[in-house]
Amino acid sequence: MKGVFKVNRQNSITDPRKIRTRKLLRDAFIELLQEMDIEKITVNRLAERATINRVTFYLHYSDIPDMQEKMADDMIDDIKHVFDNPLKNGKKLEKLLVHISEDADFYKITLASKVVPIFRERLNTLLSDKIVLMLEGKMGESSIVKAGIPKDIIVWYNSSALIGVIISWLQNDIPYTPSFLAKHFIFLHNSFLK
């Protein structure tokens, strides 16, 4: 049940009915996005596809944009959880790619299409923050930094490269294993920062 509140971040277990309903709605939303423009998705269509009633939808979300916001929050929480794991940066990237590959349909629609920009924007913000932290640990060591390239340009470049690689990987139906892709991305990334 990736991407749906499995455990509330305050360590209290969420009601299984809520988990089930949110998963049904999330899956229905992804299916409908594959079939039609987002403007044509209504609460009625979404509820019907999820096999719930409208009232149940409104118990969870105030409207479709609210649902997108909360789904994006869940996605970022899941990805933060991956990054919070005490692994080396290369292994964190591999773990992130494993996470994405396990929920490929969701990520392919939300990241690889421009239909719902909130997901890509949120991921970009998260990755940019992680890259800033990584760069702060390497400031002074990098020839890029020594060359006088502003930090924000370095962050934009690296976050865009990673998101671009992930999106291309998804659009091409995950032709490489997470391990293989992470290894090669890290090699390119480290070559850039030398």
N, C-alpha and C. Protein backbone atom coordinates (compact mmCIF):
# COMPACT_ATOMS: atom_id res chain seq x y z
N MET A 1 0.82 -1.19 0.00
CA MET A 1 0.00 0.00 0.00
C MET A 1 0.87 1.25 0.00
N LYS A 2 1.75 1.34 -0.91
CA LYS A 2 2.64 2.49 -1.01
C LYS A 2 1.82 3.74 -1.24
N GLY A 3 2.32 4.85 -0.72
CA GLY A 3 1.72 6.14 -1.00
C GLY A 3 0.43 6.44 -0.26
N VAL A 4 -0.04 5.56 0.54
CA VAL A 4 -1.27 5.78 1.29
C VAL A 4 -0.91 5.64 2.75
N PHE A 5 -1.39 6.56 3.58
CA PHE A 5 -1.03 6.54 5.00
C PHE A 5 -1.01 5.12 5.55
N LYS A 6 0.15 4.55 5.68
CA LYS A 6 0.27 3.24 6.30
C LYS A 6 0.32 3.43 7.81
N VAL A 7 1.15 4.35 8.21
CA VAL A 7 1.29 4.69 9.62
C VAL A 7 1.38 6.20 9.71
N ASN A 8 0.58 6.78 10.54
CA ASN A 8 0.66 8.20 10.77
C ASN A 8 2.05 8.53 11.29
N ARG A 9 2.62 9.62 10.85
CA ARG A 9 4.01 9.96 11.19
C ARG A 9 4.22 10.19 12.69
N GLN A 10 3.15 10.29 13.46
CA GLN A 10 3.28 10.38 14.91
C GLN A 10 3.21 8.99 15.55
N ASN A 11 3.41 7.96 14.73
CA ASN A 11 3.47 6.56 15.16
C ASN A 11 2.14 5.97 15.60
N SER A 12 1.03 6.61 15.28
CA SER A 12 -0.25 5.98 15.59
C SER A 12 -0.77 5.32 14.32
N ILE A 13 -1.29 4.14 14.46
CA ILE A 13 -1.75 3.39 13.30
C ILE A 13 -3.05 3.99 12.80
N THR A 14 -3.14 4.16 11.49
CA THR A 14 -4.34 4.70 10.86
C THR A 14 -5.37 3.60 10.70
N ASP A 15 -6.61 3.99 10.78
CA ASP A 15 -7.74 3.09 10.61
C ASP A 15 -7.61 2.33 9.27
N PRO A 16 -7.68 1.01 9.29
CA PRO A 16 -7.55 0.22 8.05
C PRO A 16 -8.59 0.60 6.99
N ARG A 17 -9.78 1.01 7.42
CA ARG A 17 -10.80 1.42 6.46
C ARG A 17 -10.37 2.68 5.72
N LYS A 18 -9.71 3.59 6.44
CA LYS A 18 -9.19 4.81 5.81
C LYS A 18 -8.12 4.46 4.80
N ILE A 19 -7.25 3.55 5.17
CA ILE A 19 -6.18 3.12 4.28
C ILE A 19 -6.78 2.53 3.01
N ARG A 20 -7.75 1.65 3.17
CA ARG A 20 -8.38 0.99 2.03
C ARG A 20 -9.07 2.02 1.13
N THR A 21 -9.82 2.92 1.72
CA THR A 21 -10.56 3.92 0.94
C THR A 21 -9.61 4.85 0.20
N ARG A 22 -8.58 5.31 0.87
CA ARG A 22 -7.62 6.20 0.21
C ARG A 22 -6.88 5.48 -0.91
N LYS A 23 -6.60 4.21 -0.72
CA LYS A 23 -5.95 3.45 -1.79
C LYS A 23 -6.89 3.29 -2.97
N LEU A 24 -8.14 2.99 -2.71
CA LEU A 24 -9.13 2.88 -3.79
C LEU A 24 -9.23 4.20 -4.56
N LEU A 25 -9.28 5.30 -3.84
CA LEU A 25 -9.38 6.61 -4.49
C LEU A 25 -8.11 6.94 -5.28
N ARG A 26 -6.99 6.64 -4.70
CA ARG A 26 -5.71 6.90 -5.37
C ARG A 26 -5.60 6.09 -6.65
N ASP A 27 -5.91 4.81 -6.58
CA ASP A 27 -5.85 3.95 -7.76
C ASP A 27 -6.85 4.40 -8.82
N ALA A 28 -8.04 4.78 -8.39
CA ALA A 28 -9.06 5.26 -9.32
C ALA A 28 -8.60 6.55 -10.00
N PHE A 29 -7.99 7.43 -9.25
CA PHE A 29 -7.49 8.69 -9.80
C PHE A 29 -6.42 8.42 -10.87
N ILE A 30 -5.49 7.51 -10.58
CA ILE A 30 -4.44 7.17 -11.53
C ILE A 30 -5.05 6.55 -12.80
N GLU A 31 -6.01 5.65 -12.63
CA GLU A 31 -6.67 5.03 -13.79
C GLU A 31 -7.37 6.09 -14.64
N LEU A 32 -8.10 6.99 -14.00
CA LEU A 32 -8.82 8.02 -14.74
C LEU A 32 -7.86 8.98 -15.45
N LEU A 33 -6.74 9.28 -14.83
CA LEU A 33 -5.75 10.15 -15.48
C LEU A 33 -5.20 9.50 -16.75
N GLN A 34 -5.15 8.19 -16.79
CA GLN A 34 -4.69 7.48 -17.98
C GLN A 34 -5.74 7.51 -19.09
N GLU A 35 -6.98 7.76 -18.73
CA GLU A 35 -8.07 7.70 -19.69
C GLU A 35 -8.59 9.05 -20.15
N MET A 36 -8.42 10.08 -19.33
CA MET A 36 -9.04 11.36 -19.67
C MET A 36 -8.24 12.53 -19.10
N ASP A 37 -8.58 13.72 -19.57
CA ASP A 37 -7.96 14.94 -19.05
C ASP A 37 -8.39 15.16 -17.61
N ILE A 38 -7.51 15.74 -16.85
CA ILE A 38 -7.79 15.95 -15.43
C ILE A 38 -9.04 16.80 -15.21
N GLU A 39 -9.30 17.74 -16.12
CA GLU A 39 -10.47 18.62 -15.99
C GLU A 39 -11.77 17.83 -16.06
N LYS A 40 -11.74 16.66 -16.67
CA LYS A 40 -12.95 15.84 -16.82
C LYS A 40 -13.17 14.90 -15.65
N ILE A 41 -12.19 14.83 -14.75
CA ILE A 41 -12.35 13.95 -13.58
C ILE A 41 -13.18 14.68 -12.54
N THR A 42 -14.29 14.08 -12.21
CA THR A 42 -15.19 14.65 -11.20
C THR A 42 -15.20 13.75 -9.97
N VAL A 43 -15.71 14.27 -8.90
CA VAL A 43 -15.84 13.47 -7.68
C VAL A 43 -16.76 12.27 -7.97
N ASN A 44 -17.84 12.49 -8.74
CA ASN A 44 -18.74 11.37 -9.07
C ASN A 44 -18.00 10.27 -9.81
N ARG A 45 -17.24 10.64 -10.85
CA ARG A 45 -16.49 9.63 -11.62
C ARG A 45 -15.48 8.92 -10.74
N LEU A 46 -14.79 9.69 -9.93
CA LEU A 46 -13.77 9.13 -9.05
C LEU A 46 -14.38 8.16 -8.04
N ALA A 47 -15.47 8.57 -7.43
CA ALA A 47 -16.13 7.71 -6.44
C ALA A 47 -16.67 6.44 -7.11
N GLU A 48 -17.25 6.61 -8.28
CA GLU A 48 -17.79 5.45 -8.99
C GLU A 48 -16.66 4.46 -9.33
N ARG A 49 -15.54 4.99 -9.84
CA ARG A 49 -14.42 4.12 -10.21
C ARG A 49 -13.84 3.43 -8.98
N ALA A 50 -13.83 4.15 -7.86
CA ALA A 50 -13.27 3.59 -6.62
C ALA A 50 -14.25 2.68 -5.89
N THR A 51 -15.44 2.58 -6.41
CA THR A 51 -16.53 1.79 -5.82
C THR A 51 -16.87 2.24 -4.40
N ILE A 52 -16.92 3.54 -4.24
CA ILE A 52 -17.37 4.15 -2.98
C ILE A 52 -18.43 5.19 -3.33
N ASN A 53 -19.07 5.76 -2.32
CA ASN A 53 -20.02 6.82 -2.63
C ASN A 53 -19.38 8.19 -2.40
N ARG A 54 -20.04 9.21 -2.94
CA ARG A 54 -19.52 10.58 -2.84
C ARG A 54 -19.29 11.02 -1.41
N VAL A 55 -20.19 10.65 -0.54
CA VAL A 55 -20.08 11.04 0.87
C VAL A 55 -18.77 10.52 1.45
N THR A 56 -18.42 9.31 1.11
CA THR A 56 -17.16 8.73 1.60
C THR A 56 -15.98 9.52 1.09
N PHE A 57 -16.02 9.93 -0.19
CA PHE A 57 -14.95 10.77 -0.72
C PHE A 57 -14.77 12.00 0.15
N TYR A 58 -15.89 12.67 0.46
CA TYR A 58 -15.83 13.92 1.23
C TYR A 58 -15.44 13.72 2.69
N LEU A 59 -15.50 12.51 3.17
CA LEU A 59 -14.97 12.24 4.51
C LEU A 59 -13.45 12.30 4.52
N HIS A 60 -12.84 12.12 3.35
CA HIS A 60 -11.37 12.10 3.24
C HIS A 60 -10.80 13.37 2.64
N TYR A 61 -11.50 13.95 1.69
CA TYR A 61 -10.99 15.11 0.96
C TYR A 61 -12.10 16.12 0.73
N SER A 62 -11.72 17.40 0.66
CA SER A 62 -12.74 18.42 0.42
C SER A 62 -13.08 18.53 -1.06
N ASP A 63 -12.12 18.22 -1.93
CA ASP A 63 -12.33 18.23 -3.37
C ASP A 63 -11.14 17.54 -4.04
N ILE A 64 -11.14 17.49 -5.36
CA ILE A 64 -10.06 16.80 -6.06
C ILE A 64 -8.71 17.49 -5.87
N PRO A 65 -8.63 18.82 -5.93
CA PRO A 65 -7.32 19.45 -5.64
C PRO A 65 -6.80 19.13 -4.23
N ASP A 66 -7.70 19.04 -3.26
CA ASP A 66 -7.28 18.66 -1.90
C ASP A 66 -6.75 17.23 -1.89
N MET A 67 -7.40 16.35 -2.65
CA MET A 67 -6.92 14.98 -2.74
C MET A 67 -5.52 14.94 -3.36
N GLN A 68 -5.29 15.73 -4.41
CA GLN A 68 -3.97 15.78 -5.04
C GLN A 68 -2.92 16.28 -4.05
N GLU A 69 -3.26 17.31 -3.30
CA GLU A 69 -2.34 17.84 -2.28
C GLU A 69 -1.96 16.76 -1.27
N LYS A 70 -2.96 16.06 -0.78
CA LYS A 70 -2.71 15.03 0.24
C LYS A 70 -1.96 13.84 -0.35
N MET A 71 -2.26 13.50 -1.60
CA MET A 71 -1.51 12.42 -2.25
C MET A 71 -0.05 12.82 -2.43
N ALA A 72 0.18 14.09 -2.80
CA ALA A 72 1.56 14.59 -2.95
C ALA A 72 2.27 14.60 -1.60
N ASP A 73 1.54 14.97 -0.54
CA ASP A 73 2.12 14.93 0.82
C ASP A 73 2.52 13.49 1.18
N ASP A 74 1.64 12.54 0.87
CA ASP A 74 1.94 11.13 1.16
C ASP A 74 3.17 10.66 0.38
N MET A 75 3.23 11.06 -0.89
CA MET A 75 4.37 10.68 -1.73
C MET A 75 5.68 11.21 -1.13
N ILE A 76 5.67 12.47 -0.73
CA ILE A 76 6.87 13.07 -0.16
C ILE A 76 7.21 12.41 1.17
N ASP A 77 6.21 12.11 1.99
CA ASP A 77 6.47 11.41 3.26
C ASP A 77 7.13 10.06 3.00
N ASP A 78 6.63 9.33 2.01
CA ASP A 78 7.22 8.03 1.68
C ASP A 78 8.67 8.19 1.22
N ILE A 79 8.92 9.18 0.38
CA ILE A 79 10.28 9.39 -0.13
C ILE A 79 11.20 9.88 0.98
N LYS A 80 10.71 10.75 1.85
CA LYS A 80 11.52 11.19 3.00
C LYS A 80 11.90 10.01 3.86
N HIS A 81 10.97 9.09 4.03
CA HIS A 81 11.24 7.89 4.81
C HIS A 81 12.40 7.10 4.20
N VAL A 82 12.44 7.04 2.88
CA VAL A 82 13.55 6.37 2.18
C VAL A 82 14.86 7.09 2.49
N PHE A 83 14.83 8.42 2.42
CA PHE A 83 16.05 9.20 2.65
C PHE A 83 16.48 9.20 4.11
N ASP A 84 15.54 9.03 5.01
CA ASP A 84 15.88 9.03 6.44
C ASP A 84 16.62 7.77 6.86
N ASN A 85 16.59 6.75 6.02
CA ASN A 85 17.30 5.51 6.30
C ASN A 85 18.80 5.79 6.32
N PRO A 86 19.52 5.34 7.35
CA PRO A 86 20.95 5.66 7.46
C PRO A 86 21.83 4.84 6.51
N LEU A 87 21.75 5.16 5.22
CA LEU A 87 22.56 4.49 4.21
C LEU A 87 23.46 5.52 3.53
N LYS A 88 24.49 5.05 2.84
CA LYS A 88 25.32 5.94 2.04
C LYS A 88 24.47 6.51 0.93
N ASN A 89 24.86 7.70 0.40
CA ASN A 89 24.06 8.38 -0.62
C ASN A 89 23.72 7.49 -1.82
N GLY A 90 24.68 6.70 -2.32
CA GLY A 90 24.42 5.81 -3.46
C GLY A 90 23.35 4.79 -3.14
N LYS A 91 23.38 4.25 -1.93
CA LYS A 91 22.38 3.26 -1.53
C LYS A 91 21.02 3.93 -1.32
N LYS A 92 21.02 5.19 -0.88
CA LYS A 92 19.75 5.90 -0.73
C LYS A 92 19.09 6.09 -2.08
N LEU A 93 19.90 6.43 -3.08
CA LEU A 93 19.35 6.58 -4.43
C LEU A 93 18.80 5.26 -4.92
N GLU A 94 19.53 4.19 -4.70
CA GLU A 94 19.05 2.87 -5.11
C GLU A 94 17.74 2.54 -4.40
N LYS A 95 17.67 2.81 -3.11
CA LYS A 95 16.45 2.54 -2.34
C LYS A 95 15.29 3.40 -2.86
N LEU A 96 15.58 4.65 -3.22
CA LEU A 96 14.55 5.52 -3.81
C LEU A 96 14.04 4.92 -5.12
N LEU A 97 14.96 4.46 -5.97
CA LEU A 97 14.57 3.88 -7.24
C LEU A 97 13.79 2.58 -7.05
N VAL A 98 14.15 1.80 -6.06
CA VAL A 98 13.39 0.58 -5.74
C VAL A 98 11.97 0.99 -5.34
N HIS A 99 11.87 1.98 -4.46
CA HIS A 99 10.56 2.47 -4.02
C HIS A 99 9.72 2.91 -5.22
N ILE A 100 10.31 3.68 -6.11
CA ILE A 100 9.59 4.17 -7.29
C ILE A 100 9.19 3.01 -8.19
N SER A 101 10.09 2.05 -8.39
CA SER A 101 9.76 0.92 -9.27
C SER A 101 8.64 0.05 -8.70
N GLU A 102 8.55 -0.03 -7.38
CA GLU A 102 7.49 -0.84 -6.75
C GLU A 102 6.11 -0.21 -6.92
N ASP A 103 6.09 1.09 -7.21
CA ASP A 103 4.82 1.80 -7.41
C ASP A 103 4.89 2.55 -8.75
N ALA A 104 5.39 1.86 -9.77
CA ALA A 104 5.70 2.48 -11.06
C ALA A 104 4.49 3.13 -11.72
N ASP A 105 3.32 2.51 -11.65
CA ASP A 105 2.14 3.09 -12.30
C ASP A 105 1.83 4.47 -11.73
N PHE A 106 1.87 4.57 -10.41
CA PHE A 106 1.61 5.85 -9.75
C PHE A 106 2.64 6.89 -10.18
N TYR A 107 3.92 6.55 -10.09
CA TYR A 107 4.97 7.52 -10.40
C TYR A 107 5.02 7.85 -11.88
N LYS A 108 4.70 6.90 -12.73
CA LYS A 108 4.72 7.17 -14.16
C LYS A 108 3.67 8.23 -14.51
N ILE A 109 2.51 8.13 -13.92
CA ILE A 109 1.44 9.10 -14.18
C ILE A 109 1.73 10.43 -13.49
N THR A 110 2.14 10.39 -12.24
CA THR A 110 2.28 11.64 -11.48
C THR A 110 3.57 12.41 -11.79
N LEU A 111 4.64 11.70 -12.14
CA LEU A 111 5.89 12.39 -12.43
C LEU A 111 6.18 12.51 -13.92
N ALA A 112 5.91 11.46 -14.66
CA ALA A 112 6.32 11.43 -16.06
C ALA A 112 5.34 12.12 -16.99
N SER A 113 4.18 12.50 -16.50
CA SER A 113 3.27 13.27 -17.33
C SER A 113 3.17 14.67 -16.72
N LYS A 114 2.83 15.60 -17.54
CA LYS A 114 2.73 16.99 -17.07
C LYS A 114 1.31 17.34 -16.64
N VAL A 115 0.48 16.33 -16.52
CA VAL A 115 -0.93 16.52 -16.21
C VAL A 115 -1.13 17.09 -14.81
N VAL A 116 -0.39 16.58 -13.85
CA VAL A 116 -0.55 17.00 -12.45
C VAL A 116 0.81 17.48 -11.94
N PRO A 117 1.13 18.74 -12.13
CA PRO A 117 2.49 19.23 -11.81
C PRO A 117 2.85 19.22 -10.33
N ILE A 118 1.88 19.15 -9.44
CA ILE A 118 2.18 19.23 -8.01
C ILE A 118 3.16 18.15 -7.57
N PHE A 119 3.06 16.96 -8.15
CA PHE A 119 3.91 15.85 -7.72
C PHE A 119 5.37 16.10 -8.12
N ARG A 120 5.57 16.53 -9.34
CA ARG A 120 6.93 16.82 -9.80
C ARG A 120 7.51 18.01 -9.04
N GLU A 121 6.69 19.02 -8.80
CA GLU A 121 7.16 20.20 -8.06
C GLU A 121 7.58 19.83 -6.64
N ARG A 122 6.77 19.01 -5.98
CA ARG A 122 7.11 18.59 -4.62
C ARG A 122 8.38 17.76 -4.59
N LEU A 123 8.53 16.85 -5.56
CA LEU A 123 9.74 16.04 -5.61
C LEU A 123 10.95 16.91 -5.90
N ASN A 124 10.80 17.88 -6.78
CA ASN A 124 11.90 18.79 -7.09
C ASN A 124 12.34 19.55 -5.85
N THR A 125 11.40 20.02 -5.07
CA THR A 125 11.72 20.75 -3.84
C THR A 125 12.46 19.85 -2.86
N LEU A 126 11.95 18.63 -2.67
CA LEU A 126 12.59 17.70 -1.75
C LEU A 126 14.01 17.37 -2.21
N LEU A 127 14.18 17.03 -3.48
CA LEU A 127 15.52 16.68 -3.98
C LEU A 127 16.46 17.86 -3.92
N SER A 128 15.97 19.05 -4.21
CA SER A 128 16.81 20.25 -4.12
C SER A 128 17.30 20.44 -2.69
N ASP A 129 16.42 20.25 -1.72
CA ASP A 129 16.82 20.38 -0.32
C ASP A 129 17.88 19.34 0.04
N LYS A 130 17.70 18.11 -0.44
CA LYS A 130 18.69 17.05 -0.15
C LYS A 130 20.03 17.37 -0.82
N ILE A 131 19.99 17.91 -2.03
CA ILE A 131 21.22 18.25 -2.75
C ILE A 131 21.94 19.40 -2.05
N VAL A 132 21.20 20.37 -1.55
CA VAL A 132 21.82 21.48 -0.80
C VAL A 132 22.56 20.93 0.40
N LEU A 133 21.94 20.02 1.14
CA LEU A 133 22.60 19.43 2.31
C LEU A 133 23.87 18.68 1.91
N MET A 134 23.78 17.94 0.81
CA MET A 134 24.95 17.20 0.34
C MET A 134 26.06 18.15 -0.09
N LEU A 135 25.70 19.22 -0.79
CA LEU A 135 26.70 20.18 -1.26
C LEU A 135 27.37 20.90 -0.10
N GLU A 136 26.60 21.20 0.93
CA GLU A 136 27.18 21.89 2.08
C GLU A 136 28.28 21.04 2.72
N GLY A 137 28.14 19.73 2.64
CA GLY A 137 29.18 18.85 3.15
C GLY A 137 30.40 18.80 2.25
N LYS A 138 30.22 19.16 0.97
CA LYS A 138 31.32 19.09 0.01
C LYS A 138 31.84 20.47 -0.39
N MET A 139 31.26 21.53 0.14
CA MET A 139 31.71 22.87 -0.25
C MET A 139 33.19 23.02 0.00
N GLY A 140 33.87 23.57 -0.93
CA GLY A 140 35.31 23.75 -0.81
C GLY A 140 36.08 22.62 -1.47
N GLU A 141 35.50 21.42 -1.53
CA GLU A 141 36.17 20.27 -2.14
C GLU A 141 35.94 20.24 -3.65
N SER A 142 34.82 20.72 -4.10
CA SER A 142 34.42 20.59 -5.49
C SER A 142 35.09 21.61 -6.39
N SER A 143 35.57 21.16 -7.55
CA SER A 143 36.15 22.09 -8.53
C SER A 143 35.06 22.98 -9.10
N ILE A 144 33.82 22.50 -9.12
CA ILE A 144 32.70 23.31 -9.60
C ILE A 144 32.52 24.51 -8.67
N VAL A 145 32.56 24.25 -7.38
CA VAL A 145 32.43 25.34 -6.42
C VAL A 145 33.63 26.28 -6.53
N LYS A 146 34.82 25.69 -6.66
CA LYS A 146 36.03 26.50 -6.79
C LYS A 146 36.01 27.34 -8.05
N ALA A 147 35.30 26.88 -9.08
CA ALA A 147 35.19 27.63 -10.33
C ALA A 147 34.26 28.83 -10.20
N GLY A 148 33.58 28.93 -9.06
CA GLY A 148 32.72 30.08 -8.82
C GLY A 148 31.29 29.93 -9.32
N ILE A 149 30.89 28.71 -9.61
CA ILE A 149 29.50 28.51 -10.05
C ILE A 149 28.60 28.65 -8.83
N PRO A 150 27.60 29.50 -8.91
CA PRO A 150 26.70 29.69 -7.77
C PRO A 150 26.02 28.39 -7.37
N LYS A 151 25.82 28.25 -6.07
CA LYS A 151 25.24 27.03 -5.51
C LYS A 151 23.86 26.75 -6.09
N ASP A 152 23.06 27.79 -6.32
CA ASP A 152 21.71 27.52 -6.83
C ASP A 152 21.74 26.90 -8.23
N ILE A 153 22.70 27.27 -9.05
CA ILE A 153 22.82 26.65 -10.38
C ILE A 153 23.20 25.17 -10.25
N ILE A 154 24.09 24.88 -9.31
CA ILE A 154 24.49 23.49 -9.07
C ILE A 154 23.29 22.67 -8.61
N VAL A 155 22.49 23.24 -7.71
CA VAL A 155 21.29 22.55 -7.21
C VAL A 155 20.29 22.33 -8.34
N TRP A 156 20.04 23.35 -9.14
CA TRP A 156 19.09 23.21 -10.25
C TRP A 156 19.55 22.12 -11.20
N TYR A 157 20.82 22.13 -11.52
CA TYR A 157 21.37 21.15 -12.45
C TYR A 157 21.19 19.73 -11.92
N ASN A 158 21.61 19.52 -10.69
CA ASN A 158 21.57 18.17 -10.12
C ASN A 158 20.15 17.67 -9.88
N SER A 159 19.27 18.51 -9.36
CA SER A 159 17.90 18.05 -9.11
C SER A 159 17.18 17.79 -10.43
N SER A 160 17.41 18.64 -11.42
CA SER A 160 16.79 18.42 -12.74
C SER A 160 17.33 17.16 -13.39
N ALA A 161 18.63 16.93 -13.25
CA ALA A 161 19.22 15.71 -13.83
C ALA A 161 18.60 14.47 -13.20
N LEU A 162 18.49 14.45 -11.89
CA LEU A 162 17.94 13.27 -11.22
C LEU A 162 16.48 13.06 -11.58
N ILE A 163 15.68 14.12 -11.53
CA ILE A 163 14.27 13.98 -11.89
C ILE A 163 14.14 13.57 -13.35
N GLY A 164 14.96 14.16 -14.21
CA GLY A 164 14.93 13.79 -15.63
C GLY A 164 15.27 12.34 -15.87
N VAL A 165 16.27 11.83 -15.16
CA VAL A 165 16.64 10.42 -15.29
C VAL A 165 15.50 9.52 -14.79
N ILE A 166 14.92 9.87 -13.65
CA ILE A 166 13.82 9.06 -13.10
C ILE A 166 12.63 9.05 -14.07
N ILE A 167 12.29 10.22 -14.61
CA ILE A 167 11.16 10.30 -15.53
C ILE A 167 11.43 9.50 -16.81
N SER A 168 12.61 9.64 -17.36
CA SER A 168 12.95 8.88 -18.58
C SER A 168 12.94 7.38 -18.30
N TRP A 169 13.44 7.01 -17.14
CA TRP A 169 13.45 5.61 -16.72
C TRP A 169 12.02 5.06 -16.67
N LEU A 170 11.11 5.84 -16.09
CA LEU A 170 9.71 5.43 -16.01
C LEU A 170 9.05 5.39 -17.39
N GLN A 171 9.30 6.43 -18.20
CA GLN A 171 8.68 6.48 -19.53
C GLN A 171 9.15 5.35 -20.43
N ASN A 172 10.34 4.85 -20.18
CA ASN A 172 10.88 3.74 -20.97
C ASN A 172 10.62 2.39 -20.30
N ASP A 173 9.66 2.36 -19.40
CA ASP A 173 9.23 1.13 -18.72
C ASP A 173 10.35 0.45 -17.93
N ILE A 174 11.13 1.24 -17.22
CA ILE A 174 12.15 0.77 -16.28
C ILE A 174 13.08 -0.27 -16.93
N PRO A 175 13.85 0.17 -17.92
CA PRO A 175 14.72 -0.79 -18.62
C PRO A 175 15.94 -1.25 -17.82
N TYR A 176 16.27 -0.55 -16.74
CA TYR A 176 17.43 -0.91 -15.92
C TYR A 176 16.98 -1.14 -14.49
N THR A 177 17.72 -1.99 -13.80
CA THR A 177 17.40 -2.23 -12.39
C THR A 177 17.72 -0.97 -11.59
N PRO A 178 17.08 -0.80 -10.44
CA PRO A 178 17.42 0.35 -9.60
C PRO A 178 18.90 0.40 -9.25
N SER A 179 19.50 -0.74 -8.99
CA SER A 179 20.92 -0.79 -8.64
C SER A 179 21.79 -0.28 -9.79
N PHE A 180 21.52 -0.76 -11.00
CA PHE A 180 22.29 -0.38 -12.19
C PHE A 180 22.15 1.12 -12.45
N LEU A 181 20.93 1.62 -12.40
CA LEU A 181 20.69 3.04 -12.66
C LEU A 181 21.35 3.91 -11.60
N ALA A 182 21.20 3.53 -10.34
CA ALA A 182 21.81 4.31 -9.25
C ALA A 182 23.32 4.36 -9.39
N LYS A 183 23.92 3.22 -9.68
CA LYS A 183 25.38 3.14 -9.84
C LYS A 183 25.86 4.10 -10.93
N HIS A 184 25.19 4.10 -12.07
CA HIS A 184 25.62 4.94 -13.18
C HIS A 184 25.30 6.42 -12.96
N PHE A 185 24.17 6.68 -12.31
CA PHE A 185 23.86 8.07 -12.00
C PHE A 185 24.90 8.64 -11.02
N ILE A 186 25.22 7.89 -9.99
CA ILE A 186 26.22 8.34 -9.01
C ILE A 186 27.57 8.57 -9.68
N PHE A 187 27.96 7.68 -10.59
CA PHE A 187 29.22 7.86 -11.32
C PHE A 187 29.21 9.19 -12.08
N LEU A 188 28.13 9.44 -12.82
CA LEU A 188 28.03 10.71 -13.56
C LEU A 188 28.01 11.91 -12.62
N HIS A 189 27.26 11.78 -11.55
CA HIS A 189 27.16 12.86 -10.56
C HIS A 189 28.53 13.17 -9.94
N ASN A 190 29.24 12.12 -9.55
CA ASN A 190 30.56 12.34 -8.95
C ASN A 190 31.56 12.90 -9.95
N SER A 191 31.43 12.53 -11.20
CA SER A 191 32.29 13.08 -12.25
C SER A 191 32.04 14.58 -12.38
N PHE A 192 30.79 14.96 -12.26
CA PHE A 192 30.41 16.38 -12.36
C PHE A 192 30.99 17.19 -11.20
N LEU A 193 30.97 16.62 -10.01
CA LEU A 193 31.40 17.37 -8.82
C LEU A 193 32.90 17.39 -8.60
N LYS A 194 33.67 16.70 -9.41
CA LYS A 194 35.13 16.67 -9.21
C LYS A 194 35.76 18.00 -9.51
